[in-house]
Structure formats: C-alpha cells, structure tokens
Amino acid sequence: MESVCIAATCFSLGASIAKASMALAHFVRDTRDASEDIETVSKELHALSMKKDMMAIRDQTDAIKVNTDIILARLDQIRSQDVPRTFPARTKEPKSGWTT
C-alpha cells in the first residue's frame, strides 16, 4: 500500500511540475511580448515629444512674425511722417588719447 501512495504522490508532483513549467513558459512569453510593447510605446512617446517640440517652435516663430510685423508697421509709420532729421555739424576733430 505504501508503494501506491508513493506512486500517487510522484504523479501528483509530476503534474504540479508540469503546470508550473507551463505557467513559467507562459510568463516568459508574455514578458518577451511586453518588452516589444514597451519598445513600441517608447518610440511613440519619442515621436510625440518631437511633435510637441516642433509645435513649441512654431508658436515661437508665429510670435516672432507678429512682433516683426508690429516693428515694420511702426517703422513705416515713422518713415511716413517724413520728418527731416538733421544732425549738428561737426566742428572739431574728436579728441583722442594719442598725441603727435
């Protein structure tokens, strides 16, 4: 009777080992798939980050264009006033620290 109990225990142990082995193989397969998924997500996040940076640059460029348009409009306004600009005549040579 004791040999039957030992045999039943061995079969039960073998079945448990087989289940554990299958579970481990499934875990390894899922882990490999997860690694590929993480790589894909990482690439997508990098692409989104690049697009966000490009959008920020475009916003800055738009702001520069607006400011440039304002400056050019102001320059046109000043030029249209047509005020003659005269500078005082030069009466003396500029002083320098060098003596001759």
Protein backbone atom coordinates (compact mmCIF):
# COMPACT_ATOMS: atom_id res chain seq x y z
CA MET A 1 0.00 0.00 0.00
CA GLU A 2 2.81 2.31 0.76
CA SER A 3 4.20 2.00 -2.80
CA VAL A 4 0.82 3.04 -4.24
CA CYS A 5 0.85 6.15 -2.06
CA ILE A 6 4.40 6.98 -3.16
CA ALA A 7 3.47 6.49 -6.82
CA ALA A 8 0.37 8.68 -6.47
CA THR A 9 2.46 11.36 -4.80
CA CYS A 10 5.06 11.16 -7.61
CA PHE A 11 2.34 11.53 -10.29
CA SER A 12 0.84 14.43 -8.40
CA LEU A 13 4.26 16.05 -8.06
CA GLY A 14 4.90 15.48 -11.79
CA ALA A 15 1.58 17.13 -12.66
CA SER A 16 2.37 20.09 -10.42
CA ILE A 17 5.80 20.45 -12.04
CA ALA A 18 4.20 20.32 -15.50
CA LYS A 19 1.70 23.04 -14.51
CA ALA A 20 4.46 25.18 -13.05
CA SER A 21 6.57 24.68 -16.17
CA MET A 22 3.67 25.71 -18.42
CA ALA A 23 2.95 28.75 -16.25
CA LEU A 24 6.63 29.73 -16.38
CA ALA A 25 6.73 29.34 -20.19
CA HIS A 26 3.60 31.49 -20.46
CA PHE A 27 5.15 34.13 -18.19
CA VAL A 28 8.35 34.19 -20.27
CA ARG A 29 6.33 34.56 -23.50
CA ASP A 30 4.28 37.40 -22.01
CA THR A 31 7.44 39.08 -20.74
CA ARG A 32 9.02 38.97 -24.21
CA ASP A 33 5.85 40.43 -25.70
CA ALA A 34 5.81 43.12 -23.03
CA SER A 35 9.38 44.05 -23.90
CA GLU A 36 8.39 44.59 -27.53
CA ASP A 37 5.31 46.55 -26.42
CA ILE A 38 7.42 48.77 -24.17
CA GLU A 39 9.80 49.46 -27.06
CA THR A 40 6.86 50.39 -29.31
CA VAL A 41 5.38 52.68 -26.66
CA SER A 42 8.79 54.27 -26.11
CA LYS A 43 9.12 55.04 -29.83
CA GLU A 44 5.62 56.54 -29.92
CA LEU A 45 6.37 58.70 -26.86
CA HIS A 46 9.58 59.92 -28.51
CA ALA A 47 7.65 60.83 -31.67
CA LEU A 48 5.05 62.71 -29.61
CA SER A 49 7.79 64.56 -27.76
CA MET A 50 9.35 65.63 -31.06
CA LYS A 51 5.96 66.85 -32.34
CA LYS A 52 5.41 68.81 -29.12
CA ASP A 53 8.82 70.46 -29.52
CA MET A 54 8.05 71.31 -33.15
CA MET A 55 4.73 72.86 -32.13
CA ALA A 56 6.50 74.97 -29.48
CA ILE A 57 9.00 76.18 -32.08
CA ARG A 58 6.15 77.01 -34.48
CA ASP A 59 4.41 79.01 -31.73
CA GLN A 60 7.63 80.94 -31.06
CA THR A 61 8.06 81.57 -34.78
CA ASP A 62 4.50 82.89 -35.01
CA ALA A 63 5.19 85.25 -32.10
CA ILE A 64 8.36 86.48 -33.81
CA LYS A 65 6.40 87.11 -37.02
CA VAL A 66 3.78 89.12 -35.14
CA ASN A 67 6.44 91.19 -33.39
CA THR A 68 8.27 91.75 -36.68
CA ASP A 69 5.04 92.92 -38.32
CA ILE A 70 4.49 95.37 -35.45
CA ILE A 71 8.03 96.71 -35.76
CA LEU A 72 7.75 97.07 -39.54
CA ALA A 73 4.41 98.87 -39.20
CA ARG A 74 5.94 101.26 -36.68
CA LEU A 75 8.92 101.89 -38.97
CA ASP A 76 6.56 102.60 -41.87
CA GLN A 77 4.64 104.99 -39.64
CA ILE A 78 7.83 106.82 -38.67
CA ARG A 79 9.01 106.92 -42.29
CA SER A 80 5.64 108.29 -43.44
CA GLN A 81 5.91 111.22 -41.03
CA ASP A 82 8.74 112.42 -43.28
CA VAL A 83 10.36 114.48 -40.55
CA PRO A 84 13.79 115.64 -41.68
CA ARG A 85 16.46 114.52 -39.34
CA THR A 86 19.34 116.93 -39.04
CA PHE A 87 22.44 116.41 -37.04
CA PRO A 88 24.68 119.19 -35.74
CA ALA A 89 27.70 119.89 -37.92
CA ARG A 90 30.99 118.58 -36.73
CA THR A 91 33.08 121.46 -35.52
CA LYS A 92 36.11 119.80 -34.01
CA GLU A 93 38.02 116.65 -34.53
CA PRO A 94 37.33 114.14 -31.81
CA LYS A 95 39.86 114.11 -29.03
CA SER A 96 41.97 111.08 -28.74
CA GLY A 97 44.40 109.94 -26.15
CA TRP A 98 47.23 109.90 -28.65
CA THR A 99 49.45 112.89 -29.11
CA THR A 100 51.60 113.52 -32.13
